[in-house]
Amino acid sequence: MKTVEATTAAANFASILSAVHARHESFEIVQQGVSCAFLIPVAACGSSTHELADDLAGAELSATDRRAFAATLRTGRKTLQPLKNPWA
């Protein structure tokens, strides 16, 4: 991750944003030596359901935590609306 001063980032925002998007570079924006923001590619922000499943498979949860997690998933599934076909 590259570090750049806030004033430099402001002056070169378009080129920095282009580097984040095109080259998947990450930047830490600092102001007077203090970190104040990060610019990271969108893909780096989230994870796929497969990555989540892999992470959960390796987690050691107590029985209480497993039950709470399962209950939360069931509640979430009930609130999902069916997908609508936009071409129908």
Protein backbone atom coordinates (compact mmCIF):
# COMPACT_ATOMS: atom_id res chain seq x y z
CA MET A 1 0.00 0.00 0.00
CA LYS A 2 1.32 3.39 -0.97
CA THR A 3 1.12 6.37 1.37
CA VAL A 4 0.30 9.81 0.01
CA GLU A 5 -0.22 13.18 1.69
CA ALA A 6 -3.77 14.56 1.53
CA THR A 7 -2.68 17.64 -0.41
CA THR A 8 -0.90 15.50 -3.00
CA ALA A 9 -3.90 13.17 -3.21
CA ALA A 10 -6.21 16.14 -3.78
CA ALA A 11 -3.98 17.56 -6.51
CA ASN A 12 -3.65 14.17 -8.26
CA PHE A 13 -6.98 12.56 -7.39
CA ALA A 14 -7.85 11.49 -10.94
CA SER A 15 -4.54 9.70 -11.49
CA ILE A 16 -4.66 8.05 -8.04
CA LEU A 17 -8.21 6.89 -8.64
CA SER A 18 -7.16 5.54 -12.02
CA ALA A 19 -4.33 3.56 -10.37
CA VAL A 20 -6.77 2.10 -7.84
CA HIS A 21 -9.21 1.07 -10.55
CA ALA A 22 -6.90 -0.05 -13.35
CA ARG A 23 -3.91 -1.46 -11.45
CA HIS A 24 -5.67 -2.47 -8.22
CA GLU A 25 -3.28 -0.36 -6.15
CA SER A 26 -4.17 0.74 -2.62
CA PHE A 27 -3.40 4.11 -1.07
CA GLU A 28 -3.31 5.38 2.49
CA ILE A 29 -4.12 9.09 2.66
CA VAL A 30 -2.33 10.87 5.51
CA GLN A 31 -2.69 14.40 6.78
CA GLN A 32 0.24 15.75 8.76
CA GLY A 33 1.48 12.18 9.21
CA VAL A 34 -1.83 10.88 10.57
CA SER A 35 -3.79 8.30 8.60
CA CYS A 36 -7.19 9.66 7.62
CA ALA A 37 -8.45 7.56 4.67
CA PHE A 38 -7.80 4.55 2.48
CA LEU A 39 -8.45 4.15 -1.24
CA ILE A 40 -8.72 0.48 -2.14
CA PRO A 41 -10.12 -1.37 -5.16
CA VAL A 42 -13.76 -2.38 -4.83
CA ALA A 43 -13.01 -6.08 -5.22
CA ALA A 44 -10.76 -5.93 -2.15
CA CYS A 45 -13.64 -4.76 0.07
CA GLY A 46 -15.81 -7.84 0.07
CA SER A 47 -15.72 -11.57 -0.18
CA SER A 48 -17.66 -14.14 -2.12
CA THR A 49 -20.03 -16.59 -0.49
CA HIS A 50 -17.47 -19.30 -1.15
CA GLU A 51 -14.80 -17.34 0.75
CA LEU A 52 -17.24 -16.80 3.61
CA ALA A 53 -18.03 -20.53 3.71
CA ASP A 54 -14.31 -21.38 3.78
CA ASP A 55 -13.72 -18.91 6.61
CA LEU A 56 -16.66 -20.26 8.61
CA ALA A 57 -15.55 -23.86 8.07
CA GLY A 58 -12.28 -23.06 9.81
CA ALA A 59 -13.90 -21.15 12.67
CA GLU A 60 -14.18 -22.78 16.06
CA LEU A 61 -17.53 -21.64 17.46
CA SER A 62 -19.10 -22.68 20.72
CA ALA A 63 -22.42 -24.50 20.62
CA THR A 64 -24.18 -21.31 21.74
CA ASP A 65 -22.51 -19.27 18.98
CA ARG A 66 -23.37 -21.89 16.35
CA ARG A 67 -27.04 -21.83 17.39
CA ALA A 68 -27.11 -18.03 17.40
CA PHE A 69 -25.49 -17.89 13.96
CA ALA A 70 -27.94 -20.47 12.56
CA ALA A 71 -30.90 -18.54 14.01
CA THR A 72 -29.63 -15.32 12.46
CA LEU A 73 -29.29 -17.01 9.07
CA ARG A 74 -32.84 -18.38 9.28
CA THR A 75 -34.18 -14.93 10.16
CA GLY A 76 -32.26 -13.37 7.29
CA ARG A 77 -33.56 -15.93 4.80
CA LYS A 78 -37.14 -15.17 5.83
CA THR A 79 -36.67 -11.48 5.07
CA LEU A 80 -35.30 -12.04 1.56
CA GLN A 81 -37.70 -11.23 -1.24
CA PRO A 82 -37.84 -13.50 -4.29
CA LEU A 83 -35.95 -12.21 -7.29
CA LYS A 84 -38.08 -10.71 -10.02
CA ASN A 85 -37.39 -11.39 -13.69
CA PRO A 86 -36.81 -7.95 -15.25
CA TRP A 87 -37.66 -9.30 -18.71
CA ALA A 88 -40.97 -10.89 -17.76
